C-alpha atoms as a PDB file:
ATOM      1  CA  MET A   1      -0.220   0.099   0.027  1.00  0.00           C
ATOM      2  CA  THR A   2       0.961   3.638  -0.519  1.00  0.00           C
ATOM      3  CA  ALA A   3      -0.107   6.361   1.196  1.00  0.00           C
ATOM      4  CA  ASP A   4      -3.116   6.561  -1.494  1.00  0.00           C
ATOM      5  CA  VAL A   5      -3.988   2.821  -0.676  1.00  0.00           C
ATOM      6  CA  MET A   6      -4.483   3.376   2.325  1.00  0.00           C
ATOM      7  CA  ASP A   7      -6.488   0.511   4.632  1.00  0.00           C
ATOM      8  CA  GLN A   8     -10.035   1.862   5.412  1.00  0.00           C
ATOM      9  CA  GLN A   9     -10.534  -0.275   8.382  1.00  0.00           C
ATOM     10  CA  THR A  10      -7.451   0.746  10.544  1.00  0.00           C
ATOM     11  CA  GLY A  11      -5.669   3.478   8.548  1.00  0.00           C
ATOM     12  CA  ALA A  12      -2.420   1.627   8.016  1.00  0.00           C
ATOM     13  CA  GLY A  13      -0.142   2.900   5.149  1.00  0.00           C
ATOM     14  CA  GLU A  14       1.560  -1.156   4.706  1.00  0.00           C
ATOM     15  CA  PRO A  15      -0.263  -4.125   4.574  1.00  0.00           C
ATOM     16  CA  LEU A  16       1.928  -5.510   7.632  1.00  0.00           C
ATOM     17  CA  ALA A  17       0.810  -3.051   9.872  1.00  0.00           C
ATOM     18  CA  ALA A  18      -2.716  -3.448   8.626  1.00  0.00           C
ATOM     19  CA  ASP A  19      -2.250  -7.133   9.805  1.00  0.00           C
ATOM     20  CA  GLU A  20      -0.959  -6.383  13.050  1.00  0.00           C
ATOM     21  CA  ILE A  21      -3.614  -3.420  13.772  1.00  0.00           C
ATOM     22  CA  ARG A  22      -6.340  -5.777  13.428  1.00  0.00           C
ATOM     23  CA  ALA A  23      -4.894  -8.700  15.509  1.00  0.00           C
ATOM     24  CA  MET A  24      -4.186  -5.952  18.251  1.00  0.00           C
ATOM     25  CA  ARG A  25      -7.754  -4.740  18.158  1.00  0.00           C
ATOM     26  CA  GLU A  26      -8.940  -8.131  18.277  1.00  0.00           C
ATOM     27  CA  ARG A  27      -7.298  -8.687  21.342  1.00  0.00           C
ATOM     28  CA  ILE A  28      -8.346  -4.953  22.256  1.00  0.00           C
ATOM     29  CA  ASP A  29     -11.823  -6.435  22.121  1.00  0.00           C
ATOM     30  CA  GLU A  30     -11.573  -9.580  24.160  1.00  0.00           C
ATOM     31  CA  ILE A  31     -10.260  -7.007  26.781  1.00  0.00           C
ATOM     32  CA  ASP A  32     -13.258  -4.872  26.630  1.00  0.00           C
ATOM     33  CA  GLN A  33     -15.536  -7.602  26.750  1.00  0.00           C
ATOM     34  CA  GLN A  34     -13.680  -9.073  29.853  1.00  0.00           C
ATOM     35  CA  ILE A  35     -14.292  -5.707  31.974  1.00  0.00           C
ATOM     36  CA  ILE A  36     -17.806  -5.495  30.610  1.00  0.00           C
ATOM     37  CA  ASP A  37     -18.359  -9.053  32.234  1.00  0.00           C
ATOM     38  CA  LEU A  38     -16.302  -8.324  35.033  1.00  0.00           C
ATOM     39  CA  TRP A  39     -17.991  -4.574  35.422  1.00  0.00           C
ATOM     40  CA  LEU A  40     -21.370  -6.464  35.420  1.00  0.00           C
ATOM     41  CA  GLU A  41     -20.330  -8.799  38.015  1.00  0.00           C
ATOM     42  CA  ARG A  42     -19.123  -6.263  40.577  1.00  0.00           C
ATOM     43  CA  ALA A  43     -22.276  -4.571  40.135  1.00  0.00           C
ATOM     44  CA  ARG A  44     -24.627  -7.351  40.851  1.00  0.00           C
ATOM     45  CA  LEU A  45     -22.073  -8.178  44.110  1.00  0.00           C
ATOM     46  CA  SER A  46     -22.139  -4.780  45.314  1.00  0.00           C
ATOM     47  CA  GLN A  47     -25.678  -4.232  45.099  1.00  0.00           C
ATOM     48  CA  GLU A  48     -25.832  -7.907  47.089  1.00  0.00           C
ATOM     49  CA  VAL A  49     -23.576  -6.579  49.585  1.00  0.00           C
ATOM     50  CA  GLY A  50     -25.539  -3.500  49.986  1.00  0.00           C
ATOM     51  CA  LYS A  51     -28.828  -5.636  50.082  1.00  0.00           C
ATOM     52  CA  THR A  52     -27.681  -7.878  52.785  1.00  0.00           C
ATOM     53  CA  ARG A  53     -25.988  -5.068  54.965  1.00  0.00           C
ATOM     54  CA  MET A  54     -29.421  -2.544  55.288  1.00  0.00           C
ATOM     55  CA  ALA A  55     -31.426  -5.899  55.547  1.00  0.00           C
ATOM     56  CA  SER A  56     -29.126  -6.410  59.011  1.00  0.00           C
ATOM     57  CA  GLY A  57     -30.016  -3.055  59.858  1.00  0.00           C
ATOM     58  CA  GLY A  58     -26.882  -1.200  58.489  1.00  0.00           C
ATOM     59  CA  THR A  59     -26.248   1.296  56.605  1.00  0.00           C
ATOM     60  CA  ARG A  60     -26.914   1.987  52.919  1.00  0.00           C
ATOM     61  CA  LEU A  61     -23.401   2.399  52.198  1.00  0.00           C
ATOM     62  CA  VAL A  62     -19.932   2.590  53.686  1.00  0.00           C
ATOM     63  CA  LEU A  63     -17.892   5.616  52.776  1.00  0.00           C
ATOM     64  CA  SER A  64     -14.600   4.611  54.518  1.00  0.00           C
ATOM     65  CA  ARG A  65     -14.757   1.425  52.126  1.00  0.00           C
ATOM     66  CA  GLU A  66     -15.794   3.879  48.937  1.00  0.00           C
ATOM     67  CA  ARG A  67     -12.933   6.169  49.783  1.00  0.00           C
ATOM     68  CA  GLU A  68     -10.515   3.001  50.061  1.00  0.00           C
ATOM     69  CA  ILE A  69     -11.360   1.735  46.495  1.00  0.00           C
ATOM     70  CA  VAL A  70     -11.284   5.156  45.159  1.00  0.00           C
ATOM     71  CA  GLU A  71      -7.896   5.425  46.705  1.00  0.00           C
ATOM     72  CA  ARG A  72      -6.463   1.637  45.407  1.00  0.00           C
ATOM     73  CA  PHE A  73      -7.438   3.074  41.697  1.00  0.00           C
ATOM     74  CA  ARG A  74      -5.918   6.262  42.112  1.00  0.00           C
ATOM     75  CA  GLN A  75      -2.803   4.558  42.812  1.00  0.00           C
ATOM     76  CA  ALA A  76      -2.881   2.130  40.339  1.00  0.00           C
ATOM     77  CA  LEU A  77      -4.142   4.197  37.410  1.00  0.00           C
ATOM     78  CA  GLY A  78      -3.320   8.295  38.513  1.00  0.00           C
ATOM     79  CA  ALA A  79      -5.748  11.037  38.727  1.00  0.00           C
ATOM     80  CA  ASP A  80      -8.087   9.754  35.858  1.00  0.00           C
ATOM     81  CA  GLY A  81      -7.959   6.138  38.281  1.00  0.00           C
ATOM     82  CA  ALA A  82     -10.393   8.098  40.969  1.00  0.00           C
ATOM     83  CA  GLN A  83     -12.546   8.827  38.018  1.00  0.00           C
ATOM     84  CA  VAL A  84     -12.916   5.626  37.392  1.00  0.00           C
ATOM     85  CA  ALA A  85     -13.388   4.145  40.998  1.00  0.00           C
ATOM     86  CA  LEU A  86     -16.403   6.073  41.377  1.00  0.00           C
ATOM     87  CA  MET A  87     -18.059   5.091  37.924  1.00  0.00           C
ATOM     88  CA  ILE A  88     -17.641   1.542  38.635  1.00  0.00           C
ATOM     89  CA  LEU A  89     -19.087   2.777  42.826  1.00  0.00           C
ATOM     90  CA  ARG A  90     -22.049   4.050  40.749  1.00  0.00           C
ATOM     91  CA  ALA A  91     -22.666   1.394  39.064  1.00  0.00           C
ATOM     92  CA  GLY A  92     -22.904  -1.063  42.159  1.00  0.00           C
ATOM     93  CA  ARG A  93     -24.927   1.296  44.407  1.00  0.00           C
ATOM     94  CA  GLY A  94     -26.594   4.017  42.105  1.00  0.00           C
ATOM     95  CA  PRO A  95     -25.692   7.461  42.192  1.00  0.00           C
ATOM     96  CA  LEU A  96     -25.752   9.410  45.380  1.00  0.00           C
END
């Protein structure tokens, strides 16, 4: 391929690069599905924790636990990690 004959799906200018990009994207799609599956499982478990806690007379949520999770994500992923953690927490407990 030349710059005039670019692969439309990958944006690559050479066939080998297009093949590499397709292979990497396939793996990305697999990882994305794992993330989705884990997200849904975590949200379900978190909802069960909340139901169990409230059924036992406990609180709707435990802020110290949420802070611990946010900090774990921040340490592992940087500033964006805190935002990821907040979205994950919200998926499990709903908006505050």
